[in-house]
Amino acid sequence: MNCLQCGSLISEGSAFCTNCGAKLGAQIQNDQFLIVTTSTIVGYKIKRVLGLVTGLTPRTRGILGQFVADWESMVGGEVTAFISEVEKIHWEAIGHAKARALALSANASLALNSRVNL
């Protein structure tokens, strides 16, 4: 875990940061995690970049779903067979990216780019 004040690595169970002396109890209970598409957040300062995180959700389509989608694409217009599936995939992938960021002791994910390929 990292100190929210100075970004120093601290051991689990510590009450205070050994580098800056900040109290750690409040930040352990703070479960706020920011996810934004911008590269900055107004009112916040980026103290450390922990790296790239991804959230992948591979899926397969069943035979019936593929048949309905193929039929709708021949007729033209919106392929409704995939709308709810794409929405589920989108939010699952964001959840996976958040979990990976939390595993790095991050408190935010910036410049999120979400794309679903079928």
N, C-alpha and C. Protein backbone atom coordinates (compact mmCIF):
# COMPACT_ATOMS: atom_id res chain seq x y z
N MET A 1 0.84 -1.17 0.00
CA MET A 1 0.00 0.00 0.00
C MET A 1 0.90 1.24 0.00
N ASN A 2 0.40 2.31 -0.60
CA ASN A 2 1.15 3.56 -0.67
C ASN A 2 0.46 4.65 0.14
N CYS A 3 1.26 5.53 0.72
CA CYS A 3 0.74 6.68 1.46
C CYS A 3 0.10 7.66 0.47
N LEU A 4 -1.08 8.14 0.79
CA LEU A 4 -1.75 9.10 -0.09
C LEU A 4 -1.10 10.49 -0.03
N GLN A 5 -0.40 10.78 1.05
CA GLN A 5 0.27 12.09 1.19
C GLN A 5 1.52 12.19 0.33
N CYS A 6 2.43 11.24 0.51
CA CYS A 6 3.74 11.35 -0.14
C CYS A 6 4.00 10.27 -1.18
N GLY A 7 3.15 9.23 -1.23
CA GLY A 7 3.32 8.17 -2.20
C GLY A 7 4.29 7.08 -1.80
N SER A 8 4.87 7.17 -0.61
CA SER A 8 5.85 6.18 -0.15
C SER A 8 5.18 4.83 0.09
N LEU A 9 5.92 3.77 -0.16
CA LEU A 9 5.44 2.42 0.11
C LEU A 9 5.45 2.20 1.62
N ILE A 10 4.32 1.71 2.14
CA ILE A 10 4.22 1.47 3.58
C ILE A 10 3.78 0.03 3.82
N SER A 11 4.13 -0.50 4.95
CA SER A 11 3.76 -1.88 5.26
C SER A 11 2.31 -1.94 5.74
N GLU A 12 1.67 -3.09 5.48
CA GLU A 12 0.30 -3.30 5.91
C GLU A 12 0.19 -3.23 7.42
N GLY A 13 -0.87 -2.62 7.89
CA GLY A 13 -1.11 -2.52 9.32
C GLY A 13 -0.48 -1.32 10.00
N SER A 14 0.30 -0.53 9.26
CA SER A 14 0.92 0.66 9.84
C SER A 14 -0.13 1.73 10.10
N ALA A 15 0.02 2.45 11.20
CA ALA A 15 -0.92 3.52 11.52
C ALA A 15 -0.46 4.85 10.95
N PHE A 16 0.86 5.01 10.74
CA PHE A 16 1.42 6.25 10.23
C PHE A 16 2.44 5.95 9.15
N CYS A 17 2.58 6.87 8.20
CA CYS A 17 3.60 6.74 7.15
C CYS A 17 4.97 6.99 7.78
N THR A 18 5.93 6.13 7.50
CA THR A 18 7.27 6.29 8.06
C THR A 18 8.04 7.42 7.37
N ASN A 19 7.59 7.85 6.20
CA ASN A 19 8.27 8.92 5.47
C ASN A 19 7.77 10.30 5.86
N CYS A 20 6.44 10.52 5.82
CA CYS A 20 5.91 11.86 6.08
C CYS A 20 5.12 11.97 7.38
N GLY A 21 4.80 10.83 8.02
CA GLY A 21 4.08 10.86 9.29
C GLY A 21 2.57 10.97 9.17
N ALA A 22 2.02 10.91 7.94
CA ALA A 22 0.57 11.02 7.76
C ALA A 22 -0.14 9.85 8.41
N LYS A 23 -1.31 10.13 8.99
CA LYS A 23 -2.13 9.08 9.60
C LYS A 23 -2.73 8.25 8.48
N LEU A 24 -2.66 6.92 8.60
CA LEU A 24 -3.09 6.04 7.52
C LEU A 24 -4.45 5.42 7.74
N GLY A 25 -4.99 5.47 8.90
CA GLY A 25 -6.27 4.83 9.19
C GLY A 25 -7.39 5.31 8.30
N ALA A 26 -7.46 6.61 8.04
CA ALA A 26 -8.54 7.17 7.23
C ALA A 26 -8.43 6.72 5.78
N GLN A 27 -7.22 6.63 5.26
CA GLN A 27 -7.09 6.27 3.85
C GLN A 27 -7.35 4.79 3.62
N ILE A 28 -7.17 3.97 4.62
CA ILE A 28 -7.47 2.55 4.48
C ILE A 28 -8.97 2.36 4.37
N GLN A 29 -9.75 3.14 5.11
CA GLN A 29 -11.19 3.02 5.08
C GLN A 29 -11.81 3.75 3.89
N ASN A 30 -11.08 4.61 3.23
CA ASN A 30 -11.59 5.36 2.09
C ASN A 30 -11.60 4.45 0.87
N ASP A 31 -12.80 4.06 0.41
CA ASP A 31 -12.89 3.16 -0.73
C ASP A 31 -13.21 3.90 -2.02
N GLN A 32 -13.01 5.21 -2.03
CA GLN A 32 -13.25 5.99 -3.24
C GLN A 32 -12.16 5.69 -4.27
N PHE A 33 -12.58 5.34 -5.46
CA PHE A 33 -11.65 5.07 -6.55
C PHE A 33 -12.16 5.83 -7.75
N LEU A 34 -11.34 6.73 -8.28
CA LEU A 34 -11.76 7.55 -9.41
C LEU A 34 -11.37 6.90 -10.72
N ILE A 35 -12.31 6.88 -11.66
CA ILE A 35 -12.05 6.42 -13.02
C ILE A 35 -12.51 7.52 -13.95
N VAL A 36 -11.56 8.06 -14.73
CA VAL A 36 -11.89 9.15 -15.65
C VAL A 36 -11.26 8.89 -17.02
N THR A 37 -11.78 9.57 -18.03
CA THR A 37 -11.23 9.44 -19.38
C THR A 37 -10.20 10.53 -19.67
N THR A 38 -10.06 11.47 -18.78
CA THR A 38 -9.11 12.57 -18.97
C THR A 38 -7.75 12.20 -18.37
N SER A 39 -6.73 12.96 -18.74
CA SER A 39 -5.38 12.68 -18.22
C SER A 39 -5.09 13.42 -16.92
N THR A 40 -5.98 14.28 -16.48
CA THR A 40 -5.86 14.98 -15.20
C THR A 40 -7.22 15.02 -14.52
N ILE A 41 -7.20 15.29 -13.22
CA ILE A 41 -8.43 15.47 -12.46
C ILE A 41 -8.32 16.79 -11.72
N VAL A 42 -9.25 17.70 -11.95
CA VAL A 42 -9.21 19.01 -11.32
C VAL A 42 -9.26 18.84 -9.80
N GLY A 43 -8.35 19.49 -9.10
CA GLY A 43 -8.28 19.43 -7.65
C GLY A 43 -7.39 18.31 -7.11
N TYR A 44 -6.83 17.49 -7.99
CA TYR A 44 -5.96 16.40 -7.58
C TYR A 44 -4.60 16.56 -8.24
N LYS A 45 -3.58 16.07 -7.56
CA LYS A 45 -2.23 16.10 -8.10
C LYS A 45 -1.75 14.67 -8.29
N ILE A 46 -1.23 14.38 -9.48
CA ILE A 46 -0.69 13.05 -9.74
C ILE A 46 0.69 12.99 -9.11
N LYS A 47 0.84 12.12 -8.12
CA LYS A 47 2.12 12.02 -7.42
C LYS A 47 2.99 10.90 -7.96
N ARG A 48 2.36 9.88 -8.53
CA ARG A 48 3.12 8.75 -9.03
C ARG A 48 2.31 8.01 -10.08
N VAL A 49 2.96 7.63 -11.15
CA VAL A 49 2.33 6.81 -12.18
C VAL A 49 2.76 5.37 -11.95
N LEU A 50 1.79 4.50 -11.76
CA LEU A 50 2.08 3.11 -11.43
C LEU A 50 2.16 2.22 -12.67
N GLY A 51 1.65 2.67 -13.78
CA GLY A 51 1.74 1.89 -15.02
C GLY A 51 0.40 1.70 -15.69
N LEU A 52 0.43 0.94 -16.73
CA LEU A 52 -0.74 0.66 -17.55
C LEU A 52 -1.54 -0.49 -16.97
N VAL A 53 -2.85 -0.33 -16.93
CA VAL A 53 -3.73 -1.42 -16.54
C VAL A 53 -4.71 -1.67 -17.67
N THR A 54 -5.10 -2.92 -17.83
CA THR A 54 -6.07 -3.29 -18.85
C THR A 54 -7.17 -4.12 -18.22
N GLY A 55 -8.29 -4.16 -18.88
CA GLY A 55 -9.39 -4.99 -18.45
C GLY A 55 -9.98 -5.68 -19.66
N LEU A 56 -9.70 -6.95 -19.79
CA LEU A 56 -10.16 -7.71 -20.94
C LEU A 56 -11.27 -8.67 -20.53
N THR A 57 -12.26 -8.83 -21.39
CA THR A 57 -13.35 -9.77 -21.16
C THR A 57 -13.64 -10.51 -22.45
N PRO A 58 -12.91 -11.58 -22.74
CA PRO A 58 -13.17 -12.34 -23.96
C PRO A 58 -14.52 -13.06 -23.87
N ARG A 59 -15.26 -13.02 -24.93
CA ARG A 59 -16.58 -13.66 -24.98
C ARG A 59 -16.74 -14.41 -26.29
N THR A 60 -17.60 -15.39 -26.28
CA THR A 60 -17.99 -16.07 -27.51
C THR A 60 -19.49 -15.91 -27.68
N ARG A 61 -19.93 -16.00 -28.91
CA ARG A 61 -21.36 -15.90 -29.20
C ARG A 61 -21.90 -17.30 -29.43
N GLY A 62 -23.09 -17.55 -28.91
CA GLY A 62 -23.75 -18.83 -29.17
C GLY A 62 -24.28 -18.87 -30.60
N ILE A 63 -24.66 -20.03 -31.04
CA ILE A 63 -25.15 -20.20 -32.42
C ILE A 63 -26.41 -19.37 -32.65
N LEU A 64 -27.36 -19.39 -31.72
CA LEU A 64 -28.60 -18.63 -31.88
C LEU A 64 -28.32 -17.13 -31.93
N GLY A 65 -27.46 -16.65 -31.03
CA GLY A 65 -27.12 -15.22 -31.02
C GLY A 65 -26.45 -14.80 -32.32
N GLN A 66 -25.57 -15.64 -32.83
CA GLN A 66 -24.90 -15.34 -34.10
C GLN A 66 -25.91 -15.33 -35.25
N PHE A 67 -26.86 -16.27 -35.24
CA PHE A 67 -27.88 -16.33 -36.29
C PHE A 67 -28.73 -15.06 -36.29
N VAL A 68 -29.20 -14.64 -35.09
CA VAL A 68 -30.03 -13.44 -34.99
C VAL A 68 -29.25 -12.21 -35.45
N ALA A 69 -27.99 -12.10 -35.04
CA ALA A 69 -27.16 -10.97 -35.45
C ALA A 69 -26.94 -10.96 -36.95
N ASP A 70 -26.68 -12.14 -37.54
CA ASP A 70 -26.50 -12.22 -38.99
C ASP A 70 -27.76 -11.80 -39.72
N TRP A 71 -28.92 -12.23 -39.25
CA TRP A 71 -30.20 -11.87 -39.86
C TRP A 71 -30.42 -10.35 -39.77
N GLU A 72 -30.20 -9.78 -38.60
CA GLU A 72 -30.39 -8.33 -38.43
C GLU A 72 -29.42 -7.55 -39.30
N SER A 73 -28.20 -8.03 -39.46
CA SER A 73 -27.23 -7.30 -40.28
C SER A 73 -27.58 -7.37 -41.76
N MET A 74 -28.24 -8.44 -42.20
CA MET A 74 -28.68 -8.52 -43.59
C MET A 74 -29.80 -7.53 -43.87
N VAL A 75 -30.70 -7.36 -42.91
CA VAL A 75 -31.81 -6.43 -43.06
C VAL A 75 -31.30 -4.99 -42.98
N GLY A 76 -30.27 -4.76 -42.18
CA GLY A 76 -29.70 -3.42 -42.01
C GLY A 76 -30.18 -2.77 -40.72
N GLY A 77 -29.47 -1.74 -40.30
CA GLY A 77 -29.84 -1.01 -39.09
C GLY A 77 -29.12 -1.54 -37.86
N GLU A 78 -29.71 -1.26 -36.72
CA GLU A 78 -29.10 -1.60 -35.44
C GLU A 78 -29.20 -3.11 -35.17
N VAL A 79 -28.12 -3.70 -34.71
CA VAL A 79 -28.10 -5.12 -34.38
C VAL A 79 -28.41 -5.24 -32.88
N THR A 80 -29.70 -5.37 -32.58
CA THR A 80 -30.15 -5.37 -31.18
C THR A 80 -29.71 -6.61 -30.42
N ALA A 81 -29.36 -7.67 -31.12
CA ALA A 81 -28.93 -8.90 -30.45
C ALA A 81 -27.68 -8.68 -29.61
N PHE A 82 -26.89 -7.66 -29.93
CA PHE A 82 -25.63 -7.46 -29.22
C PHE A 82 -25.63 -6.28 -28.26
N ILE A 83 -26.66 -5.48 -28.23
CA ILE A 83 -26.65 -4.25 -27.42
C ILE A 83 -26.43 -4.56 -25.94
N SER A 84 -27.22 -5.45 -25.36
CA SER A 84 -27.06 -5.72 -23.92
C SER A 84 -25.75 -6.45 -23.65
N GLU A 85 -25.31 -7.30 -24.58
CA GLU A 85 -24.05 -8.02 -24.40
C GLU A 85 -22.86 -7.05 -24.41
N VAL A 86 -22.89 -6.09 -25.32
CA VAL A 86 -21.82 -5.09 -25.40
C VAL A 86 -21.77 -4.26 -24.12
N GLU A 87 -22.93 -3.91 -23.60
CA GLU A 87 -22.99 -3.13 -22.36
C GLU A 87 -22.39 -3.92 -21.19
N LYS A 88 -22.71 -5.21 -21.09
CA LYS A 88 -22.14 -6.06 -20.04
C LYS A 88 -20.63 -6.17 -20.19
N ILE A 89 -20.16 -6.39 -21.41
CA ILE A 89 -18.73 -6.52 -21.67
C ILE A 89 -18.01 -5.24 -21.27
N HIS A 90 -18.58 -4.10 -21.62
CA HIS A 90 -17.99 -2.79 -21.32
C HIS A 90 -17.75 -2.63 -19.82
N TRP A 91 -18.78 -2.87 -19.01
CA TRP A 91 -18.66 -2.66 -17.57
C TRP A 91 -17.80 -3.73 -16.90
N GLU A 92 -17.82 -4.96 -17.42
CA GLU A 92 -16.93 -5.99 -16.87
C GLU A 92 -15.47 -5.64 -17.11
N ALA A 93 -15.16 -5.15 -18.30
CA ALA A 93 -13.78 -4.77 -18.63
C ALA A 93 -13.31 -3.63 -17.73
N ILE A 94 -14.17 -2.65 -17.49
CA ILE A 94 -13.82 -1.54 -16.59
C ILE A 94 -13.59 -2.08 -15.18
N GLY A 95 -14.41 -3.02 -14.74
CA GLY A 95 -14.22 -3.63 -13.42
C GLY A 95 -12.90 -4.38 -13.31
N HIS A 96 -12.51 -5.07 -14.39
CA HIS A 96 -11.22 -5.78 -14.39
C HIS A 96 -10.05 -4.78 -14.34
N ALA A 97 -10.17 -3.68 -15.08
CA ALA A 97 -9.11 -2.66 -15.06
C ALA A 97 -9.01 -2.05 -13.66
N LYS A 98 -10.14 -1.80 -13.02
CA LYS A 98 -10.13 -1.24 -11.67
C LYS A 98 -9.47 -2.19 -10.69
N ALA A 99 -9.79 -3.48 -10.80
CA ALA A 99 -9.19 -4.48 -9.90
C ALA A 99 -7.67 -4.54 -10.07
N ARG A 100 -7.20 -4.45 -11.31
CA ARG A 100 -5.76 -4.46 -11.54
C ARG A 100 -5.10 -3.20 -11.00
N ALA A 101 -5.77 -2.06 -11.13
CA ALA A 101 -5.22 -0.81 -10.59
C ALA A 101 -5.16 -0.87 -9.06
N LEU A 102 -6.21 -1.39 -8.44
CA LEU A 102 -6.21 -1.53 -6.98
C LEU A 102 -5.11 -2.48 -6.52
N ALA A 103 -4.82 -3.51 -7.30
CA ALA A 103 -3.74 -4.43 -6.95
C ALA A 103 -2.38 -3.73 -6.96
N LEU A 104 -2.27 -2.64 -7.72
CA LEU A 104 -1.04 -1.84 -7.74
C LEU A 104 -1.06 -0.76 -6.66
N SER A 105 -2.09 -0.75 -5.82
CA SER A 105 -2.31 0.26 -4.76
C SER A 105 -2.65 1.62 -5.33
N ALA A 106 -3.28 1.66 -6.49
CA ALA A 106 -3.70 2.92 -7.09
C ALA A 106 -4.98 3.41 -6.44
N ASN A 107 -5.21 4.72 -6.49
CA ASN A 107 -6.45 5.29 -5.99
C ASN A 107 -7.25 5.94 -7.11
N ALA A 108 -6.75 5.83 -8.36
CA ALA A 108 -7.47 6.38 -9.51
C ALA A 108 -6.94 5.74 -10.79
N SER A 109 -7.78 5.78 -11.82
CA SER A 109 -7.37 5.34 -13.15
C SER A 109 -7.69 6.48 -14.10
N LEU A 110 -6.66 7.01 -14.74
CA LEU A 110 -6.83 8.14 -15.64
C LEU A 110 -6.72 7.71 -17.09
N ALA A 111 -7.28 8.51 -17.96
CA ALA A 111 -7.23 8.31 -19.41
C ALA A 111 -7.75 6.94 -19.81
N LEU A 112 -8.87 6.53 -19.19
CA LEU A 112 -9.47 5.24 -19.53
C LEU A 112 -9.99 5.28 -20.95
N ASN A 113 -9.65 4.28 -21.72
CA ASN A 113 -10.12 4.14 -23.09
C ASN A 113 -10.86 2.83 -23.16
N SER A 114 -12.14 2.89 -23.41
CA SER A 114 -12.95 1.68 -23.43
C SER A 114 -13.39 1.40 -24.87
N ARG A 115 -13.10 0.18 -25.31
CA ARG A 115 -13.50 -0.21 -26.66
C ARG A 115 -13.95 -1.66 -26.63
N VAL A 116 -15.03 -1.93 -27.32
CA VAL A 116 -15.55 -3.29 -27.41
C VAL A 116 -15.49 -3.72 -28.86
N ASN A 117 -14.84 -4.84 -29.11
CA ASN A 117 -14.78 -5.42 -30.46
C ASN A 117 -15.60 -6.70 -30.48
N LEU A 118 -16.41 -6.83 -31.49
CA LEU A 118 -17.19 -8.08 -31.64
C LEU A 118 -16.73 -8.82 -32.86
